[in-house]
Amino acid sequence: MFKRILVAYDGSRGADAATVKAAELAVLSGAEMLVLTVYRHHSMLEASLSMVRGTDVDGRGLDDTMRAYAREAAEAGKARARAVGAQKVQAFIKGGNYARTIVAFAREKGCDLIVVGSRGLGSSEGYMLGSVSHKVTSLTDTPILVI
């Protein structure tokens, strides 16, 4: 059925439901499962236009903080998939545009299914520009399952 399934995971309820479904499909088909968390790089231009400091309370840069959160989320997604019964699960993080990064990663890794939640933790950008799941469906030829 499937050989390599990619699930986009951001820690939201939608991503959790997508991870459970992807894990169930991985178990049924004996597929490898890749859990990807994408974080958005914090640019200096954004920092200069906002009231947000360029560092967090520990003195780390915002990119470092976002990367650390993404790593925690990816590992949580991996643990969730394993709890459902998936055996071959790997967790990855990438920085960049959410939808384009998911599609490029799926292509790079040769995934034959992408599973995403219909709504995640996205910002207000999602309301104005469309959801990540909608964008992924428009950018890829890989079969996609939206939960």
N, C-alpha and C. Protein backbone atom coordinates (compact mmCIF):
# COMPACT_ATOMS: atom_id res chain seq x y z
N MET A 1 0.83 -1.18 0.00
CA MET A 1 0.00 0.00 0.00
C MET A 1 0.88 1.25 0.00
N PHE A 2 1.47 1.60 1.16
CA PHE A 2 2.37 2.74 1.25
C PHE A 2 3.72 2.27 1.76
N LYS A 3 4.78 2.94 1.31
CA LYS A 3 6.13 2.60 1.76
C LYS A 3 6.70 3.64 2.72
N ARG A 4 6.38 4.91 2.48
CA ARG A 4 6.91 5.99 3.33
C ARG A 4 5.84 7.07 3.48
N ILE A 5 5.40 7.27 4.71
CA ILE A 5 4.33 8.22 5.02
C ILE A 5 4.91 9.39 5.79
N LEU A 6 4.61 10.60 5.32
CA LEU A 6 5.02 11.82 6.01
C LEU A 6 3.83 12.41 6.73
N VAL A 7 4.00 12.73 8.00
CA VAL A 7 2.97 13.46 8.74
C VAL A 7 3.58 14.77 9.23
N ALA A 8 2.85 15.86 8.99
CA ALA A 8 3.26 17.17 9.48
C ALA A 8 2.70 17.33 10.89
N TYR A 9 3.58 17.63 11.85
CA TYR A 9 3.17 17.67 13.25
C TYR A 9 3.59 18.98 13.89
N ASP A 10 2.61 19.70 14.47
CA ASP A 10 2.92 20.96 15.15
C ASP A 10 2.45 20.97 16.61
N GLY A 11 1.96 19.84 17.10
CA GLY A 11 1.51 19.77 18.48
C GLY A 11 0.04 20.08 18.68
N SER A 12 -0.66 20.45 17.63
CA SER A 12 -2.09 20.78 17.74
C SER A 12 -2.94 19.51 17.77
N ARG A 13 -4.22 19.69 18.11
CA ARG A 13 -5.13 18.54 18.10
C ARG A 13 -5.28 17.97 16.70
N GLY A 14 -5.32 18.84 15.70
CA GLY A 14 -5.42 18.37 14.32
C GLY A 14 -4.21 17.55 13.91
N ALA A 15 -3.03 18.00 14.32
CA ALA A 15 -1.80 17.27 14.01
C ALA A 15 -1.76 15.94 14.76
N ASP A 16 -2.28 15.92 15.98
CA ASP A 16 -2.33 14.68 16.74
C ASP A 16 -3.23 13.67 16.04
N ALA A 17 -4.40 14.10 15.60
CA ALA A 17 -5.32 13.22 14.88
C ALA A 17 -4.68 12.72 13.59
N ALA A 18 -3.97 13.59 12.88
CA ALA A 18 -3.28 13.19 11.65
C ALA A 18 -2.19 12.17 11.95
N THR A 19 -1.49 12.34 13.06
CA THR A 19 -0.42 11.42 13.44
C THR A 19 -0.99 10.05 13.78
N VAL A 20 -2.09 10.03 14.48
CA VAL A 20 -2.73 8.74 14.81
C VAL A 20 -3.14 8.02 13.53
N LYS A 21 -3.78 8.72 12.61
CA LYS A 21 -4.22 8.10 11.35
C LYS A 21 -3.03 7.63 10.53
N ALA A 22 -1.99 8.46 10.45
CA ALA A 22 -0.79 8.08 9.71
C ALA A 22 -0.14 6.84 10.33
N ALA A 23 -0.10 6.78 11.65
CA ALA A 23 0.48 5.62 12.34
C ALA A 23 -0.34 4.37 12.08
N GLU A 24 -1.66 4.50 12.09
CA GLU A 24 -2.52 3.35 11.79
C GLU A 24 -2.26 2.84 10.38
N LEU A 25 -2.14 3.75 9.43
CA LEU A 25 -1.84 3.36 8.04
C LEU A 25 -0.45 2.74 7.93
N ALA A 26 0.51 3.28 8.68
CA ALA A 26 1.87 2.72 8.67
C ALA A 26 1.87 1.30 9.21
N VAL A 27 1.11 1.07 10.27
CA VAL A 27 1.02 -0.28 10.85
C VAL A 27 0.40 -1.24 9.84
N LEU A 28 -0.70 -0.82 9.20
CA LEU A 28 -1.40 -1.68 8.23
C LEU A 28 -0.54 -2.02 7.01
N SER A 29 0.25 -1.06 6.57
CA SER A 29 1.02 -1.26 5.34
C SER A 29 2.49 -1.57 5.58
N GLY A 30 2.93 -1.56 6.83
CA GLY A 30 4.34 -1.80 7.12
C GLY A 30 5.24 -0.67 6.64
N ALA A 31 4.66 0.52 6.52
CA ALA A 31 5.39 1.67 5.98
C ALA A 31 6.28 2.31 7.03
N GLU A 32 7.30 2.98 6.54
CA GLU A 32 8.12 3.85 7.38
C GLU A 32 7.34 5.15 7.56
N MET A 33 7.46 5.75 8.73
CA MET A 33 6.73 6.99 9.01
C MET A 33 7.72 8.09 9.38
N LEU A 34 7.56 9.23 8.73
CA LEU A 34 8.40 10.39 8.99
C LEU A 34 7.53 11.49 9.61
N VAL A 35 7.93 11.97 10.77
CA VAL A 35 7.23 13.05 11.45
C VAL A 35 8.04 14.32 11.22
N LEU A 36 7.41 15.32 10.63
CA LEU A 36 8.11 16.57 10.32
C LEU A 36 7.45 17.74 11.03
N THR A 37 8.25 18.50 11.76
CA THR A 37 7.80 19.76 12.35
C THR A 37 8.56 20.88 11.66
N VAL A 38 7.81 21.82 11.14
CA VAL A 38 8.39 22.97 10.45
C VAL A 38 8.26 24.20 11.34
N TYR A 39 9.34 24.92 11.48
CA TYR A 39 9.29 26.17 12.24
C TYR A 39 9.65 27.32 11.31
N ARG A 40 9.12 28.46 11.62
CA ARG A 40 9.37 29.64 10.80
C ARG A 40 10.56 30.40 11.35
N HIS A 41 11.49 30.72 10.49
CA HIS A 41 12.65 31.51 10.91
C HIS A 41 12.20 32.90 11.35
N HIS A 42 12.82 33.40 12.39
CA HIS A 42 12.56 34.76 12.88
C HIS A 42 13.54 35.69 12.17
N SER A 43 13.04 36.60 11.40
CA SER A 43 13.93 37.50 10.68
C SER A 43 14.19 38.77 11.47
N MET A 44 15.32 39.37 11.21
CA MET A 44 15.66 40.63 11.88
C MET A 44 14.71 41.74 11.45
N LEU A 45 14.20 41.68 10.21
CA LEU A 45 13.24 42.67 9.76
C LEU A 45 11.98 42.60 10.61
N GLU A 46 11.48 41.37 10.84
CA GLU A 46 10.30 41.21 11.69
C GLU A 46 10.58 41.73 13.10
N ALA A 47 11.75 41.45 13.61
CA ALA A 47 12.10 41.91 14.95
C ALA A 47 12.11 43.44 15.01
N SER A 48 12.62 44.07 13.97
CA SER A 48 12.71 45.53 13.98
C SER A 48 11.34 46.18 13.87
N LEU A 49 10.35 45.44 13.32
CA LEU A 49 9.01 45.99 13.15
C LEU A 49 8.06 45.61 14.28
N SER A 50 8.56 44.85 15.24
CA SER A 50 7.69 44.40 16.32
C SER A 50 8.26 44.83 17.67
N MET A 51 7.51 44.53 18.71
CA MET A 51 7.97 44.83 20.04
C MET A 51 8.59 43.60 20.69
N VAL A 52 8.76 42.54 19.92
CA VAL A 52 9.34 41.29 20.42
C VAL A 52 10.85 41.43 20.47
N ARG A 53 11.43 41.00 21.57
CA ARG A 53 12.89 41.06 21.70
C ARG A 53 13.52 40.03 20.76
N GLY A 54 14.76 40.24 20.41
CA GLY A 54 15.49 39.31 19.56
C GLY A 54 15.98 38.08 20.29
N THR A 55 15.80 38.05 21.61
CA THR A 55 16.20 36.89 22.41
C THR A 55 15.08 36.55 23.37
N ASP A 56 15.10 35.31 23.88
CA ASP A 56 14.10 34.94 24.87
C ASP A 56 14.66 35.18 26.27
N VAL A 57 13.95 34.77 27.29
CA VAL A 57 14.36 35.07 28.66
C VAL A 57 15.66 34.37 29.05
N ASP A 58 16.03 33.30 28.36
CA ASP A 58 17.29 32.61 28.65
C ASP A 58 18.46 33.19 27.87
N GLY A 59 18.19 34.21 27.07
CA GLY A 59 19.25 34.83 26.30
C GLY A 59 19.53 34.13 24.97
N ARG A 60 18.75 33.11 24.66
CA ARG A 60 18.92 32.44 23.37
C ARG A 60 18.25 33.26 22.29
N GLY A 61 18.71 33.10 21.07
CA GLY A 61 18.06 33.75 19.94
C GLY A 61 16.71 33.12 19.68
N LEU A 62 15.81 33.87 19.04
CA LEU A 62 14.48 33.35 18.77
C LEU A 62 14.52 32.14 17.84
N ASP A 63 15.42 32.12 16.87
CA ASP A 63 15.55 30.94 16.00
C ASP A 63 15.90 29.71 16.83
N ASP A 64 16.83 29.88 17.79
CA ASP A 64 17.20 28.75 18.65
C ASP A 64 16.02 28.27 19.47
N THR A 65 15.24 29.19 19.99
CA THR A 65 14.07 28.84 20.78
C THR A 65 13.04 28.13 19.92
N MET A 66 12.80 28.64 18.72
CA MET A 66 11.82 28.03 17.83
C MET A 66 12.29 26.64 17.38
N ARG A 67 13.57 26.50 17.12
CA ARG A 67 14.14 25.21 16.74
C ARG A 67 14.00 24.21 17.88
N ALA A 68 14.24 24.64 19.11
CA ALA A 68 14.12 23.76 20.27
C ALA A 68 12.67 23.32 20.46
N TYR A 69 11.73 24.24 20.30
CA TYR A 69 10.31 23.89 20.41
C TYR A 69 9.94 22.90 19.31
N ALA A 70 10.43 23.14 18.10
CA ALA A 70 10.13 22.24 16.98
C ALA A 70 10.67 20.84 17.26
N ARG A 71 11.86 20.75 17.82
CA ARG A 71 12.45 19.45 18.16
C ARG A 71 11.57 18.72 19.18
N GLU A 72 11.12 19.44 20.21
CA GLU A 72 10.24 18.84 21.22
C GLU A 72 8.94 18.35 20.58
N ALA A 73 8.36 19.17 19.71
CA ALA A 73 7.11 18.79 19.05
C ALA A 73 7.31 17.56 18.17
N ALA A 74 8.39 17.54 17.39
CA ALA A 74 8.65 16.40 16.51
C ALA A 74 8.83 15.12 17.31
N GLU A 75 9.55 15.20 18.41
CA GLU A 75 9.75 14.02 19.26
C GLU A 75 8.43 13.58 19.90
N ALA A 76 7.57 14.54 20.26
CA ALA A 76 6.25 14.19 20.81
C ALA A 76 5.41 13.48 19.75
N GLY A 77 5.48 13.96 18.52
CA GLY A 77 4.76 13.31 17.42
C GLY A 77 5.27 11.89 17.18
N LYS A 78 6.57 11.73 17.24
CA LYS A 78 7.18 10.40 17.08
C LYS A 78 6.71 9.46 18.20
N ALA A 79 6.69 9.95 19.42
CA ALA A 79 6.24 9.14 20.56
C ALA A 79 4.76 8.76 20.40
N ARG A 80 3.97 9.70 19.91
CA ARG A 80 2.54 9.43 19.69
C ARG A 80 2.36 8.34 18.65
N ALA A 81 3.12 8.40 17.56
CA ALA A 81 3.05 7.38 16.51
C ALA A 81 3.45 6.01 17.05
N ARG A 82 4.49 5.98 17.85
CA ARG A 82 4.93 4.71 18.44
C ARG A 82 3.88 4.16 19.40
N ALA A 83 3.21 5.04 20.13
CA ALA A 83 2.17 4.60 21.07
C ALA A 83 1.01 3.93 20.33
N VAL A 84 0.77 4.35 19.09
CA VAL A 84 -0.29 3.76 18.27
C VAL A 84 0.16 2.42 17.69
N GLY A 85 1.48 2.20 17.63
CA GLY A 85 1.98 0.92 17.14
C GLY A 85 2.93 0.99 15.96
N ALA A 86 3.18 2.19 15.44
CA ALA A 86 4.13 2.32 14.33
C ALA A 86 5.53 1.98 14.84
N GLN A 87 6.25 1.18 14.07
CA GLN A 87 7.58 0.72 14.49
C GLN A 87 8.72 1.55 13.89
N LYS A 88 8.60 1.84 12.61
CA LYS A 88 9.67 2.56 11.91
C LYS A 88 9.29 4.04 11.81
N VAL A 89 9.68 4.81 12.83
CA VAL A 89 9.30 6.22 12.91
C VAL A 89 10.55 7.06 13.12
N GLN A 90 10.67 8.13 12.33
CA GLN A 90 11.76 9.09 12.50
C GLN A 90 11.17 10.49 12.64
N ALA A 91 11.82 11.34 13.41
CA ALA A 91 11.37 12.72 13.60
C ALA A 91 12.38 13.67 12.96
N PHE A 92 11.87 14.71 12.32
CA PHE A 92 12.69 15.70 11.64
C PHE A 92 12.15 17.10 11.93
N ILE A 93 13.04 18.09 11.87
CA ILE A 93 12.61 19.49 11.92
C ILE A 93 13.25 20.22 10.75
N LYS A 94 12.54 21.22 10.26
CA LYS A 94 13.03 22.06 9.18
C LYS A 94 12.52 23.47 9.42
N GLY A 95 13.31 24.45 9.04
CA GLY A 95 12.88 25.83 9.10
C GLY A 95 12.45 26.30 7.72
N GLY A 96 11.43 27.13 7.67
CA GLY A 96 11.01 27.68 6.39
C GLY A 96 9.51 27.87 6.31
N ASN A 97 9.06 28.14 5.09
CA ASN A 97 7.64 28.27 4.80
C ASN A 97 6.98 26.92 5.03
N TYR A 98 5.90 26.89 5.79
CA TYR A 98 5.30 25.62 6.21
C TYR A 98 4.95 24.70 5.03
N ALA A 99 4.07 25.15 4.17
CA ALA A 99 3.59 24.28 3.08
C ALA A 99 4.70 23.90 2.12
N ARG A 100 5.49 24.84 1.69
CA ARG A 100 6.56 24.54 0.73
C ARG A 100 7.60 23.59 1.33
N THR A 101 7.88 23.75 2.60
CA THR A 101 8.86 22.88 3.26
C THR A 101 8.33 21.46 3.38
N ILE A 102 7.05 21.31 3.71
CA ILE A 102 6.45 19.97 3.79
C ILE A 102 6.52 19.28 2.43
N VAL A 103 6.14 19.99 1.38
CA VAL A 103 6.13 19.40 0.03
C VAL A 103 7.55 19.05 -0.42
N ALA A 104 8.50 19.96 -0.21
CA ALA A 104 9.89 19.70 -0.62
C ALA A 104 10.47 18.51 0.16
N PHE A 105 10.17 18.42 1.44
CA PHE A 105 10.68 17.33 2.27
C PHE A 105 10.09 16.00 1.80
N ALA A 106 8.79 15.98 1.50
CA ALA A 106 8.15 14.75 1.01
C ALA A 106 8.79 14.30 -0.30
N ARG A 107 9.06 15.23 -1.17
CA ARG A 107 9.70 14.91 -2.45
C ARG A 107 11.13 14.39 -2.22
N GLU A 108 11.87 15.08 -1.38
CA GLU A 108 13.26 14.71 -1.08
C GLU A 108 13.36 13.31 -0.49
N LYS A 109 12.43 12.95 0.37
CA LYS A 109 12.46 11.66 1.06
C LYS A 109 11.70 10.56 0.33
N GLY A 110 11.07 10.88 -0.80
CA GLY A 110 10.35 9.88 -1.58
C GLY A 110 9.09 9.36 -0.89
N CYS A 111 8.38 10.25 -0.21
CA CYS A 111 7.15 9.85 0.48
C CYS A 111 6.04 9.61 -0.53
N ASP A 112 5.24 8.58 -0.28
CA ASP A 112 4.13 8.30 -1.19
C ASP A 112 2.78 8.66 -0.58
N LEU A 113 2.80 9.27 0.60
CA LEU A 113 1.58 9.83 1.21
C LEU A 113 2.00 10.91 2.18
N ILE A 114 1.25 12.03 2.15
CA ILE A 114 1.43 13.12 3.12
C ILE A 114 0.14 13.20 3.92
N VAL A 115 0.26 13.22 5.24
CA VAL A 115 -0.91 13.33 6.12
C VAL A 115 -0.76 14.61 6.93
N VAL A 116 -1.81 15.45 6.90
CA VAL A 116 -1.80 16.71 7.64
C VAL A 116 -3.14 16.91 8.33
N GLY A 117 -3.12 17.67 9.41
CA GLY A 117 -4.35 18.07 10.07
C GLY A 117 -5.00 19.22 9.30
N SER A 118 -6.30 19.31 9.39
CA SER A 118 -6.98 20.39 8.65
C SER A 118 -6.73 21.76 9.27
N ARG A 119 -6.46 21.79 10.56
CA ARG A 119 -6.11 23.04 11.25
C ARG A 119 -5.02 22.74 12.26
N GLY A 120 -4.05 23.63 12.33
CA GLY A 120 -2.95 23.46 13.26
C GLY A 120 -2.82 24.64 14.17
N LEU A 121 -1.58 24.90 14.57
CA LEU A 121 -1.29 26.01 15.47
C LEU A 121 -0.95 27.28 14.71
N GLY A 122 -1.23 27.31 13.42
CA GLY A 122 -0.85 28.43 12.58
C GLY A 122 -1.35 29.77 13.09
N SER A 123 -0.68 30.81 12.63
CA SER A 123 -1.00 32.17 13.05
C SER A 123 -2.21 32.70 12.30
N SER A 124 -2.49 33.96 12.51
CA SER A 124 -3.58 34.62 11.79
C SER A 124 -3.31 34.63 10.30
N GLU A 125 -2.06 34.41 9.90
CA GLU A 125 -1.71 34.32 8.49
C GLU A 125 -2.57 33.26 7.80
N GLY A 126 -2.86 32.19 8.50
CA GLY A 126 -3.67 31.11 7.94
C GLY A 126 -5.07 31.57 7.57
N TYR A 127 -5.63 32.46 8.37
CA TYR A 127 -6.97 32.95 8.08
C TYR A 127 -6.98 33.85 6.85
N MET A 128 -5.93 34.60 6.66
CA MET A 128 -5.88 35.54 5.54
C MET A 128 -5.40 34.87 4.25
N LEU A 129 -4.46 33.96 4.36
CA LEU A 129 -3.84 33.40 3.16
C LEU A 129 -4.22 31.95 2.89
N GLY A 130 -5.01 31.34 3.72
CA GLY A 130 -5.40 29.95 3.52
C GLY A 130 -4.60 29.05 4.43
N SER A 131 -5.17 27.92 4.76
CA SER A 131 -4.52 27.01 5.70
C SER A 131 -3.34 26.30 5.05
N VAL A 132 -2.45 25.82 5.89
CA VAL A 132 -1.28 25.07 5.42
C VAL A 132 -1.74 23.83 4.66
N SER A 133 -2.75 23.12 5.18
CA SER A 133 -3.22 21.91 4.51
C SER A 133 -3.73 22.23 3.10
N HIS A 134 -4.43 23.33 2.96
CA HIS A 134 -4.92 23.72 1.64
C HIS A 134 -3.75 24.02 0.69
N LYS A 135 -2.76 24.73 1.19
CA LYS A 135 -1.60 25.05 0.36
C LYS A 135 -0.83 23.80 -0.05
N VAL A 136 -0.67 22.86 0.89
CA VAL A 136 0.05 21.62 0.57
C VAL A 136 -0.66 20.90 -0.55
N THR A 137 -1.99 20.80 -0.49
CA THR A 137 -2.72 20.10 -1.54
C THR A 137 -2.53 20.75 -2.91
N SER A 138 -2.32 22.05 -2.93
CA SER A 138 -2.16 22.74 -4.21
C SER A 138 -0.73 22.69 -4.73
N LEU A 139 0.23 22.30 -3.89
CA LEU A 139 1.64 22.33 -4.29
C LEU A 139 2.22 20.96 -4.63
N THR A 140 1.49 19.88 -4.36
CA THR A 140 2.09 18.56 -4.55
C THR A 140 1.24 17.65 -5.42
N ASP A 141 1.93 16.70 -6.06
CA ASP A 141 1.25 15.63 -6.79
C ASP A 141 1.18 14.37 -5.95
N THR A 142 1.87 14.38 -4.80
CA THR A 142 1.85 13.25 -3.89
C THR A 142 0.45 13.16 -3.27
N PRO A 143 -0.09 11.95 -3.14
CA PRO A 143 -1.39 11.83 -2.47
C PRO A 143 -1.32 12.44 -1.07
N ILE A 144 -2.38 13.12 -0.68
CA ILE A 144 -2.42 13.78 0.62
C ILE A 144 -3.73 13.44 1.31
N LEU A 145 -3.63 13.17 2.60
CA LEU A 145 -4.78 12.87 3.43
C LEU A 145 -4.89 13.99 4.45
N VAL A 146 -6.00 14.72 4.42
CA VAL A 146 -6.24 15.81 5.36
C VAL A 146 -7.21 15.32 6.41
N ILE A 147 -6.79 15.36 7.66
CA ILE A 147 -7.62 14.87 8.78
C ILE A 147 -8.24 16.06 9.49
